[in-house]
PDB file of all heavy atoms in Angstrom:
ATOM      1  N   TYR A   1     103.656 -43.421  92.848  1.00  0.00           N
ATOM      2  CA  TYR A   1     102.996 -42.046  92.768  1.00  0.00           C
ATOM      3  C   TYR A   1     102.259 -41.791  91.605  1.00  0.00           C
ATOM      4  O   TYR A   1     101.090 -41.389  91.504  1.00  0.00           O
ATOM      5  CB  TYR A   1     103.979 -40.993  92.936  1.00  0.00           C
ATOM      6  CG  TYR A   1     104.499 -40.534  94.298  1.00  0.00           C
ATOM      7  CD1 TYR A   1     105.169 -41.378  95.164  1.00  0.00           C
ATOM      8  CD2 TYR A   1     104.016 -39.189  94.881  1.00  0.00           C
ATOM      9  CE1 TYR A   1     105.485 -40.904  96.520  1.00  0.00           C
ATOM     10  CE2 TYR A   1     104.312 -38.807  96.140  1.00  0.00           C
ATOM     11  CZ  TYR A   1     105.047 -39.674  96.918  1.00  0.00           C
ATOM     12  OH  TYR A   1     105.349 -39.364  98.185  1.00  0.00           O
ATOM     13  N   GLU A   2     102.883 -42.199  90.448  1.00  0.00           N
ATOM     14  CA  GLU A   2     102.219 -42.001  89.126  1.00  0.00           C
ATOM     15  C   GLU A   2     100.930 -42.792  89.049  1.00  0.00           C
ATOM     16  O   GLU A   2      99.827 -42.164  88.649  1.00  0.00           O
ATOM     17  CB  GLU A   2     103.095 -42.481  87.956  1.00  0.00           C
ATOM     18  CG  GLU A   2     102.459 -42.337  86.689  1.00  0.00           C
ATOM     19  CD  GLU A   2     103.310 -43.100  85.569  1.00  0.00           C
ATOM     20  OE1 GLU A   2     104.288 -43.822  85.817  1.00  0.00           O
ATOM     21  OE2 GLU A   2     102.879 -43.143  84.324  1.00  0.00           O
ATOM     22  N   LEU A   3     100.899 -44.002  89.368  1.00  0.00           N
ATOM     23  CA  LEU A   3      99.687 -44.872  89.291  1.00  0.00           C
ATOM     24  C   LEU A   3      98.533 -44.398  90.280  1.00  0.00           C
ATOM     25  O   LEU A   3      97.435 -44.416  89.901  1.00  0.00           O
ATOM     26  CB  LEU A   3     100.049 -46.328  89.554  1.00  0.00           C
ATOM     27  CG  LEU A   3     100.866 -46.982  88.513  1.00  0.00           C
ATOM     28  CD1 LEU A   3     101.387 -48.369  89.025  1.00  0.00           C
ATOM     29  CD2 LEU A   3     100.165 -47.146  87.172  1.00  0.00           C
ATOM     30  N   LEU A   4      98.950 -44.017  91.467  1.00  0.00           N
ATOM     31  CA  LEU A   4      97.975 -43.602  92.387  1.00  0.00           C
ATOM     32  C   LEU A   4      97.283 -42.238  92.096  1.00  0.00           C
ATOM     33  O   LEU A   4      96.140 -42.082  92.072  1.00  0.00           O
ATOM     34  CB  LEU A   4      98.669 -43.486  93.895  1.00  0.00           C
ATOM     35  CG  LEU A   4      98.983 -44.828  94.484  1.00  0.00           C
ATOM     36  CD1 LEU A   4      99.699 -44.601  95.815  1.00  0.00           C
ATOM     37  CD2 LEU A   4      97.782 -45.695  94.822  1.00  0.00           C
ATOM     38  N   LEU A   5      98.135 -41.349  91.786  1.00  0.00           N
ATOM     39  CA  LEU A   5      97.674 -39.995  91.369  1.00  0.00           C
ATOM     40  C   LEU A   5      96.862 -40.001  90.090  1.00  0.00           C
ATOM     41  O   LEU A   5      95.864 -39.368  89.920  1.00  0.00           O
ATOM     42  CB  LEU A   5      98.856 -38.917  91.293  1.00  0.00           C
ATOM     43  CG  LEU A   5      99.592 -38.648  92.625  1.00  0.00           C
ATOM     44  CD1 LEU A   5     100.790 -37.851  92.418  1.00  0.00           C
ATOM     45  CD2 LEU A   5      98.577 -37.924  93.591  1.00  0.00           C
ATOM     46  N   PHE A   6      97.276 -40.794  89.154  1.00  0.00           N
ATOM     47  CA  PHE A   6      96.489 -40.925  87.894  1.00  0.00           C
ATOM     48  C   PHE A   6      95.052 -41.440  88.171  1.00  0.00           C
ATOM     49  O   PHE A   6      94.228 -40.972  87.314  1.00  0.00           O
ATOM     50  CB  PHE A   6      97.222 -41.874  86.897  1.00  0.00           C
ATOM     51  CG  PHE A   6      96.617 -41.946  85.542  1.00  0.00           C
ATOM     52  CD1 PHE A   6      96.759 -40.914  84.565  1.00  0.00           C
ATOM     53  CD2 PHE A   6      95.745 -43.016  85.188  1.00  0.00           C
ATOM     54  CE1 PHE A   6      96.149 -40.942  83.370  1.00  0.00           C
ATOM     55  CE2 PHE A   6      95.225 -43.081  83.941  1.00  0.00           C
ATOM     56  CZ  PHE A   6      95.358 -41.953  83.028  1.00  0.00           C
ATOM     57  N   ASN A   7      94.989 -42.229  89.070  1.00  0.00           N
ATOM     58  CA  ASN A   7      93.560 -42.811  89.420  1.00  0.00           C
ATOM     59  C   ASN A   7      92.977 -42.024  90.563  1.00  0.00           C
ATOM     60  O   ASN A   7      91.927 -42.547  91.178  1.00  0.00           O
ATOM     61  CB  ASN A   7      93.724 -44.264  89.881  1.00  0.00           C
ATOM     62  CG  ASN A   7      94.086 -45.194  88.599  1.00  0.00           C
ATOM     63  OD1 ASN A   7      93.440 -45.018  87.621  1.00  0.00           O
ATOM     64  ND2 ASN A   7      95.022 -46.086  88.852  1.00  0.00           N
ATOM     65  N   GLY A   8      93.351 -40.829  90.738  1.00  0.00           N
ATOM     66  CA  GLY A   8      92.689 -39.987  91.768  1.00  0.00           C
ATOM     67  C   GLY A   8      92.758 -40.308  93.170  1.00  0.00           C
ATOM     68  O   GLY A   8      91.983 -39.916  94.040  1.00  0.00           O
ATOM     69  N   LYS A   9      93.815 -41.117  93.453  1.00  0.00           N
ATOM     70  CA  LYS A   9      94.040 -41.536  94.945  1.00  0.00           C
ATOM     71  C   LYS A   9      95.135 -40.723  95.498  1.00  0.00           C
ATOM     72  O   LYS A   9      95.965 -40.165  94.870  1.00  0.00           O
ATOM     73  CB  LYS A   9      94.420 -42.985  94.951  1.00  0.00           C
ATOM     74  CG  LYS A   9      93.274 -43.965  94.443  1.00  0.00           C
ATOM     75  CD  LYS A   9      93.656 -45.417  94.479  1.00  0.00           C
ATOM     76  CE  LYS A   9      92.531 -46.332  93.989  1.00  0.00           C
ATOM     77  NZ  LYS A   9      91.582 -46.460  95.159  1.00  0.00           N
ATOM     78  N   PRO A  10      95.135 -40.648  96.831  1.00  0.00           N
ATOM     79  CA  PRO A  10      96.108 -39.890  97.575  1.00  0.00           C
ATOM     80  C   PRO A  10      97.482 -40.488  97.418  1.00  0.00           C
ATOM     81  O   PRO A  10      97.606 -41.714  97.095  1.00  0.00           O
ATOM     82  CB  PRO A  10      95.722 -40.030  99.034  1.00  0.00           C
ATOM     83  CG  PRO A  10      94.308 -40.424  99.067  1.00  0.00           C
ATOM     84  CD  PRO A  10      94.071 -41.255  97.762  1.00  0.00           C
ATOM     85  N   GLU A  11      98.488 -39.714  97.574  1.00  0.00           N
ATOM     86  CA  GLU A  11      99.868 -40.190  97.509  1.00  0.00           C
ATOM     87  C   GLU A  11     100.184 -41.126  98.580  1.00  0.00           C
ATOM     88  O   GLU A  11      99.493 -41.078  99.665  1.00  0.00           O
ATOM     89  CB  GLU A  11     100.849 -39.010  97.553  1.00  0.00           C
ATOM     90  CG  GLU A  11     100.780 -38.121  98.804  1.00  0.00           C
ATOM     91  CD  GLU A  11     101.171 -36.770  98.601  1.00  0.00           C
ATOM     92  OE1 GLU A  11     102.387 -36.504  98.838  1.00  0.00           O
ATOM     93  OE2 GLU A  11     100.338 -35.883  98.177  1.00  0.00           O
ATOM     94  N   PRO A  12     101.121 -42.083  98.478  1.00  0.00           N
ATOM     95  CA  PRO A  12     101.388 -43.023  99.489  1.00  0.00           C
ATOM     96  C   PRO A  12     102.011 -42.410 100.755  1.00  0.00           C
ATOM     97  O   PRO A  12     102.629 -41.280 100.611  1.00  0.00           O
ATOM     98  CB  PRO A  12     102.435 -43.948  98.938  1.00  0.00           C
ATOM     99  CG  PRO A  12     103.106 -43.137  97.901  1.00  0.00           C
ATOM    100  CD  PRO A  12     102.043 -42.222  97.331  1.00  0.00           C
ATOM    101  N   ILE A  13     101.774 -42.913 101.830  1.00  0.00           N
ATOM    102  CA  ILE A  13     102.431 -42.461 103.140  1.00  0.00           C
ATOM    103  C   ILE A  13     103.446 -43.366 103.602  1.00  0.00           C
ATOM    104  O   ILE A  13     103.281 -44.460 103.765  1.00  0.00           O
ATOM    105  CB  ILE A  13     101.160 -42.307 104.246  1.00  0.00           C
ATOM    106  CG1 ILE A  13     100.120 -41.383 103.780  1.00  0.00           C
ATOM    107  CG2 ILE A  13     101.843 -41.821 105.698  1.00  0.00           C
ATOM    108  CD1 ILE A  13      98.833 -41.442 104.748  1.00  0.00           C
ATOM    109  N   VAL A  14     104.619 -42.798 103.668  1.00  0.00           N
ATOM    110  CA  VAL A  14     105.823 -43.585 104.106  1.00  0.00           C
ATOM    111  C   VAL A  14     106.182 -43.152 105.481  1.00  0.00           C
ATOM    112  O   VAL A  14     106.478 -41.982 105.768  1.00  0.00           O
ATOM    113  CB  VAL A  14     106.992 -43.481 103.079  1.00  0.00           C
ATOM    114  CG1 VAL A  14     108.170 -44.256 103.505  1.00  0.00           C
ATOM    115  CG2 VAL A  14     106.550 -43.731 101.668  1.00  0.00           C
ATOM    116  N   GLU A  15     106.320 -44.128 106.473  1.00  0.00           N
ATOM    117  CA  GLU A  15     106.661 -43.784 107.861  1.00  0.00           C
ATOM    118  C   GLU A  15     107.884 -44.715 108.218  1.00  0.00           C
ATOM    119  O   GLU A  15     107.981 -45.882 107.862  1.00  0.00           O
ATOM    120  CB  GLU A  15     105.591 -44.003 108.760  1.00  0.00           C
ATOM    121  CG  GLU A  15     104.331 -43.189 108.455  1.00  0.00           C
ATOM    122  CD  GLU A  15     103.145 -43.660 109.308  1.00  0.00           C
ATOM    123  OE1 GLU A  15     102.532 -44.617 109.001  1.00  0.00           O
ATOM    124  OE2 GLU A  15     102.838 -42.838 110.278  1.00  0.00           O
ATOM    125  N   GLU A  16     108.768 -44.187 109.078  1.00  0.00           N
ATOM    126  CA  GLU A  16     109.839 -44.955 109.565  1.00  0.00           C
ATOM    127  C   GLU A  16     109.584 -45.136 111.067  1.00  0.00           C
ATOM    128  O   GLU A  16     109.634 -44.123 111.804  1.00  0.00           O
ATOM    129  CB  GLU A  16     111.195 -44.171 109.352  1.00  0.00           C
ATOM    130  CG  GLU A  16     112.322 -45.104 109.012  1.00  0.00           C
ATOM    131  CD  GLU A  16     113.581 -44.226 108.711  1.00  0.00           C
ATOM    132  OE1 GLU A  16     113.620 -43.046 108.911  1.00  0.00           O
ATOM    133  OE2 GLU A  16     114.477 -44.900 108.080  1.00  0.00           O
ATOM    134  N   TRP A  17     109.285 -46.334 111.433  1.00  0.00           N
ATOM    135  CA  TRP A  17     109.115 -46.674 112.789  1.00  0.00           C
ATOM    136  C   TRP A  17     110.416 -46.980 113.456  1.00  0.00           C
ATOM    137  O   TRP A  17     111.502 -46.940 112.850  1.00  0.00           O
ATOM    138  CB  TRP A  17     108.005 -47.766 113.052  1.00  0.00           C
ATOM    139  CG  TRP A  17     106.625 -47.407 112.601  1.00  0.00           C
ATOM    140  CD1 TRP A  17     106.312 -46.153 112.016  1.00  0.00           C
ATOM    141  CD2 TRP A  17     105.477 -48.148 112.711  1.00  0.00           C
ATOM    142  NE1 TRP A  17     104.997 -46.228 111.664  1.00  0.00           N
ATOM    143  CE2 TRP A  17     104.397 -47.381 112.131  1.00  0.00           C
ATOM    144  CE3 TRP A  17     105.103 -49.338 113.270  1.00  0.00           C
ATOM    145  CZ2 TRP A  17     103.105 -47.764 112.147  1.00  0.00           C
ATOM    146  CZ3 TRP A  17     103.852 -49.856 113.268  1.00  0.00           C
ATOM    147  CH2 TRP A  17     102.836 -49.056 112.702  1.00  0.00           C
ATOM    148  N   ASP A  18     110.426 -47.493 114.765  1.00  0.00           N
ATOM    149  CA  ASP A  18     111.758 -47.863 115.393  1.00  0.00           C
ATOM    150  C   ASP A  18     112.415 -48.904 114.702  1.00  0.00           C
ATOM    151  O   ASP A  18     113.697 -48.895 114.594  1.00  0.00           O
ATOM    152  CB  ASP A  18     111.400 -48.233 116.894  1.00  0.00           C
ATOM    153  CG  ASP A  18     110.916 -47.044 117.707  1.00  0.00           C
ATOM    154  OD1 ASP A  18     111.190 -45.961 117.257  1.00  0.00           O
ATOM    155  OD2 ASP A  18     110.312 -47.280 118.775  1.00  0.00           O
ATOM    156  N   ASP A  19     111.758 -49.984 114.248  1.00  0.00           N
ATOM    157  CA  ASP A  19     112.432 -51.025 113.649  1.00  0.00           C
ATOM    158  C   ASP A  19     111.923 -51.514 112.294  1.00  0.00           C
ATOM    159  O   ASP A  19     112.229 -52.594 111.763  1.00  0.00           O
ATOM    160  CB  ASP A  19     112.321 -52.324 114.592  1.00  0.00           C
ATOM    161  CG  ASP A  19     110.866 -52.751 114.755  1.00  0.00           C
ATOM    162  OD1 ASP A  19     109.943 -51.960 114.460  1.00  0.00           O
ATOM    163  OD2 ASP A  19     110.642 -53.790 115.388  1.00  0.00           O
ATOM    164  N   ARG A  20     111.159 -50.670 111.668  1.00  0.00           N
ATOM    165  CA  ARG A  20     110.572 -50.979 110.406  1.00  0.00           C
ATOM    166  C   ARG A  20     110.156 -49.755 109.562  1.00  0.00           C
ATOM    167  O   ARG A  20     110.009 -48.729 110.098  1.00  0.00           O
ATOM    168  CB  ARG A  20     109.356 -51.960 110.588  1.00  0.00           C
ATOM    169  CG  ARG A  20     108.186 -51.308 111.285  1.00  0.00           C
ATOM    170  CD  ARG A  20     107.011 -52.194 111.559  1.00  0.00           C
ATOM    171  NE  ARG A  20     107.541 -53.250 112.465  1.00  0.00           N
ATOM    172  CZ  ARG A  20     106.830 -54.429 112.582  1.00  0.00           C
ATOM    173  NH1 ARG A  20     105.640 -54.623 112.035  1.00  0.00           N
ATOM    174  NH2 ARG A  20     107.294 -55.348 113.320  1.00  0.00           N
ATOM    175  N   VAL A  21     109.833 -50.068 108.260  1.00  0.00           N
ATOM    176  CA  VAL A  21     109.258 -49.059 107.450  1.00  0.00           C
ATOM    177  C   VAL A  21     107.931 -49.428 107.106  1.00  0.00           C
ATOM    178  O   VAL A  21     107.640 -50.570 106.734  1.00  0.00           O
ATOM    179  CB  VAL A  21     110.121 -48.903 106.157  1.00  0.00           C
ATOM    180  CG1 VAL A  21     109.451 -47.945 105.199  1.00  0.00           C
ATOM    181  CG2 VAL A  21     111.570 -48.442 106.439  1.00  0.00           C
ATOM    182  N   VAL A  22     106.938 -48.498 107.251  1.00  0.00           N
ATOM    183  CA  VAL A  22     105.578 -48.763 106.884  1.00  0.00           C
ATOM    184  C   VAL A  22     105.085 -47.909 105.745  1.00  0.00           C
ATOM    185  O   VAL A  22     105.233 -46.609 105.925  1.00  0.00           O
ATOM    186  CB  VAL A  22     104.664 -48.646 108.228  1.00  0.00           C
ATOM    187  CG1 VAL A  22     103.181 -48.914 107.851  1.00  0.00           C
ATOM    188  CG2 VAL A  22     105.214 -49.431 109.278  1.00  0.00           C
ATOM    189  N   VAL A  23     104.470 -48.458 104.801  1.00  0.00           N
ATOM    190  CA  VAL A  23     103.944 -47.736 103.652  1.00  0.00           C
ATOM    191  C   VAL A  23     102.421 -47.949 103.607  1.00  0.00           C
ATOM    192  O   VAL A  23     101.938 -49.115 103.661  1.00  0.00           O
ATOM    193  CB  VAL A  23     104.526 -48.240 102.286  1.00  0.00           C
ATOM    194  CG1 VAL A  23     103.966 -47.399 101.131  1.00  0.00           C
ATOM    195  CG2 VAL A  23     106.045 -48.126 102.294  1.00  0.00           C
ATOM    196  N   THR A  24     101.648 -46.839 103.606  1.00  0.00           N
ATOM    197  CA  THR A  24     100.308 -46.914 103.614  1.00  0.00           C
ATOM    198  C   THR A  24      99.685 -46.386 102.313  1.00  0.00           C
ATOM    199  O   THR A  24     100.032 -45.346 101.843  1.00  0.00           O
ATOM    200  CB  THR A  24      99.596 -46.155 104.814  1.00  0.00           C
ATOM    201  OG1 THR A  24     100.205 -46.630 106.031  1.00  0.00           O
ATOM    202  CG2 THR A  24      98.121 -46.183 104.820  1.00  0.00           C
ATOM    203  N   VAL A  25      98.740 -47.141 101.717  1.00  0.00           N
ATOM    204  CA  VAL A  25      98.135 -46.645 100.463  1.00  0.00           C
ATOM    205  C   VAL A  25      96.630 -46.705 100.813  1.00  0.00           C
ATOM    206  O   VAL A  25      96.079 -47.665 101.152  1.00  0.00           O
ATOM    207  CB  VAL A  25      98.391 -47.704  99.349  1.00  0.00           C
ATOM    208  CG1 VAL A  25      97.486 -47.301  98.132  1.00  0.00           C
ATOM    209  CG2 VAL A  25      99.830 -47.706  98.966  1.00  0.00           C
ATOM    210  N   LYS A  26      96.023 -45.518 100.585  1.00  0.00           N
ATOM    211  CA  LYS A  26      94.569 -45.343 100.839  1.00  0.00           C
ATOM    212  C   LYS A  26      93.651 -45.928  99.796  1.00  0.00           C
ATOM    213  O   LYS A  26      94.057 -45.882  98.615  1.00  0.00           O
ATOM    214  CB  LYS A  26      94.199 -43.809 101.118  1.00  0.00           C
ATOM    215  CG  LYS A  26      94.925 -43.177 102.254  1.00  0.00           C
ATOM    216  CD  LYS A  26      94.480 -43.789 103.577  1.00  0.00           C
ATOM    217  CE  LYS A  26      95.024 -43.165 104.750  1.00  0.00           C
ATOM    218  NZ  LYS A  26      94.591 -41.826 104.961  1.00  0.00           N
ATOM    219  N   LYS A  27      92.490 -46.427 100.166  1.00  0.00           N
ATOM    220  CA  LYS A  27      91.559 -46.977  99.207  1.00  0.00           C
ATOM    221  C   LYS A  27      90.777 -45.916  98.428  1.00  0.00           C
ATOM    222  O   LYS A  27      90.386 -46.106  97.259  1.00  0.00           O
ATOM    223  CB  LYS A  27      90.662 -48.012  99.877  1.00  0.00           C
ATOM    224  CG  LYS A  27      89.502 -48.501  99.110  1.00  0.00           C
ATOM    225  CD  LYS A  27      88.631 -49.490 100.025  1.00  0.00           C
ATOM    226  CE  LYS A  27      87.347 -49.765  99.387  1.00  0.00           C
ATOM    227  NZ  LYS A  27      86.486 -50.616 100.177  1.00  0.00           N
ATOM    228  N   ASN A  28      90.553 -44.890  99.222  1.00  0.00           N
ATOM    229  CA  ASN A  28      89.545 -44.043  98.628  1.00  0.00           C
ATOM    230  C   ASN A  28      90.079 -43.051  97.460  1.00  0.00           C
ATOM    231  O   ASN A  28      91.262 -42.978  97.272  1.00  0.00           O
ATOM    232  CB  ASN A  28      89.060 -42.934  99.690  1.00  0.00           C
ATOM    233  CG  ASN A  28      90.358 -42.031 100.131  1.00  0.00           C
ATOM    234  OD1 ASN A  28      91.237 -42.554 100.687  1.00  0.00           O
ATOM    235  ND2 ASN A  28      90.143 -40.684  99.887  1.00  0.00           N
ATOM    236  N   ILE A  29      89.199 -42.646  96.619  1.00  0.00           N
ATOM    237  CA  ILE A  29      89.371 -41.753  95.458  1.00  0.00           C
ATOM    238  C   ILE A  29      89.089 -40.400  95.873  1.00  0.00           C
ATOM    239  O   ILE A  29      88.001 -40.091  96.431  1.00  0.00           O
ATOM    240  CB  ILE A  29      88.612 -42.138  94.207  1.00  0.00           C
ATOM    241  CG1 ILE A  29      89.048 -43.591  93.641  1.00  0.00           C
ATOM    242  CG2 ILE A  29      88.763 -41.018  93.091  1.00  0.00           C
ATOM    243  CD1 ILE A  29      88.238 -44.043  92.564  1.00  0.00           C
ATOM    244  N   ILE A  30      90.054 -39.401  95.752  1.00  0.00           N
ATOM    245  CA  ILE A  30      89.765 -38.057  96.190  1.00  0.00           C
ATOM    246  C   ILE A  30      88.504 -37.522  95.556  1.00  0.00           C
ATOM    247  O   ILE A  30      87.626 -36.944  96.233  1.00  0.00           O
ATOM    248  CB  ILE A  30      91.046 -37.096  95.834  1.00  0.00           C
ATOM    249  CG1 ILE A  30      92.199 -37.631  96.624  1.00  0.00           C
ATOM    250  CG2 ILE A  30      90.690 -35.671  96.240  1.00  0.00           C
ATOM    251  CD1 ILE A  30      92.137 -37.580  98.064  1.00  0.00           C
ATOM    252  N   SER A  31      88.466 -37.630  94.196  1.00  0.00           N
ATOM    253  CA  SER A  31      87.124 -37.206  93.457  1.00  0.00           C
ATOM    254  C   SER A  31      87.151 -37.860  92.171  1.00  0.00           C
ATOM    255  O   SER A  31      88.148 -38.114  91.557  1.00  0.00           O
ATOM    256  CB  SER A  31      87.101 -35.656  93.318  1.00  0.00           C
ATOM    257  OG  SER A  31      88.013 -35.186  92.321  1.00  0.00           O
ATOM    258  N   LYS A  32      85.937 -38.240  91.684  1.00  0.00           N
ATOM    259  CA  LYS A  32      85.791 -38.927  90.360  1.00  0.00           C
ATOM    260  C   LYS A  32      86.239 -37.879  89.244  1.00  0.00           C
ATOM    261  O   LYS A  32      86.661 -38.339  88.257  1.00  0.00           O
ATOM    262  CB  LYS A  32      84.313 -39.328  90.177  1.00  0.00           C
ATOM    263  CG  LYS A  32      84.000 -40.527  91.258  1.00  0.00           C
ATOM    264  CD  LYS A  32      82.484 -40.901  90.995  1.00  0.00           C
ATOM    265  CE  LYS A  32      82.100 -41.936  92.092  1.00  0.00           C
ATOM    266  NZ  LYS A  32      80.686 -42.306  91.967  1.00  0.00           N
ATOM    267  N   GLU A  33      85.959 -36.547  89.536  1.00  0.00           N
ATOM    268  CA  GLU A  33      86.303 -35.595  88.546  1.00  0.00           C
ATOM    269  C   GLU A  33      87.806 -35.485  88.270  1.00  0.00           C
ATOM    270  O   GLU A  33      88.315 -35.255  87.146  1.00  0.00           O
ATOM    271  CB  GLU A  33      85.777 -34.164  88.954  1.00  0.00           C
ATOM    272  CG  GLU A  33      84.330 -34.061  88.827  1.00  0.00           C
ATOM    273  CD  GLU A  33      83.486 -34.703  89.951  1.00  0.00           C
ATOM    274  OE1 GLU A  33      84.198 -35.103  90.986  1.00  0.00           O
ATOM    275  OE2 GLU A  33      82.270 -34.851  89.916  1.00  0.00           O
ATOM    276  N   THR A  34      88.602 -35.796  89.338  1.00  0.00           N
ATOM    277  CA  THR A  34      90.041 -35.778  89.202  1.00  0.00           C
ATOM    278  C   THR A  34      90.503 -36.916  88.325  1.00  0.00           C
ATOM    279  O   THR A  34      91.383 -36.714  87.471  1.00  0.00           O
ATOM    280  CB  THR A  34      90.690 -35.861  90.603  1.00  0.00           C
ATOM    281  OG1 THR A  34      90.302 -34.815  91.368  1.00  0.00           O
ATOM    282  CG2 THR A  34      92.238 -35.894  90.439  1.00  0.00           C
ATOM    283  N   VAL A  35      89.772 -38.040  88.403  1.00  0.00           N
ATOM    284  CA  VAL A  35      90.115 -39.207  87.625  1.00  0.00           C
ATOM    285  C   VAL A  35      89.906 -38.845  86.098  1.00  0.00           C
ATOM    286  O   VAL A  35      90.687 -39.062  85.241  1.00  0.00           O
ATOM    287  CB  VAL A  35      89.386 -40.428  87.900  1.00  0.00           C
ATOM    288  CG1 VAL A  35      89.648 -41.579  87.049  1.00  0.00           C
ATOM    289  CG2 VAL A  35      89.598 -40.814  89.378  1.00  0.00           C
ATOM    290  N   ARG A  36      88.751 -38.221  85.801  1.00  0.00           N
ATOM    291  CA  ARG A  36      88.385 -37.840  84.457  1.00  0.00           C
ATOM    292  C   ARG A  36      89.409 -36.767  83.889  1.00  0.00           C
ATOM    293  O   ARG A  36      89.818 -36.802  82.806  1.00  0.00           O
ATOM    294  CB  ARG A  36      87.058 -37.283  84.434  1.00  0.00           C
ATOM    295  CG  ARG A  36      85.960 -38.344  84.756  1.00  0.00           C
ATOM    296  CD  ARG A  36      84.567 -37.785  84.946  1.00  0.00           C
ATOM    297  NE  ARG A  36      84.141 -36.894  83.880  1.00  0.00           N
ATOM    298  CZ  ARG A  36      83.245 -35.949  83.997  1.00  0.00           C
ATOM    299  NH1 ARG A  36      82.775 -35.619  85.207  1.00  0.00           N
ATOM    300  NH2 ARG A  36      82.988 -35.190  82.966  1.00  0.00           N
ATOM    301  N   LEU A  37      89.807 -35.801  84.771  1.00  0.00           N
ATOM    302  CA  LEU A  37      90.772 -34.820  84.436  1.00  0.00           C
ATOM    303  C   LEU A  37      92.045 -35.492  83.993  1.00  0.00           C
ATOM    304  O   LEU A  37      92.635 -35.125  82.968  1.00  0.00           O
ATOM    305  CB  LEU A  37      91.031 -33.839  85.541  1.00  0.00           C
ATOM    306  CG  LEU A  37      92.136 -32.863  85.445  1.00  0.00           C
ATOM    307  CD1 LEU A  37      91.953 -31.851  84.298  1.00  0.00           C
ATOM    308  CD2 LEU A  37      92.381 -32.145  86.737  1.00  0.00           C
TER     309      LEU A  37
END
């Protein structure tokens, strides 16, 4: 969470499927201004 949010990216998405756990990390940056902030 710390690394993603510090670089302006969305928080990870954690899902529990029937037989597995799936973690999704998005590539996009929410905004460049957030990174500077």
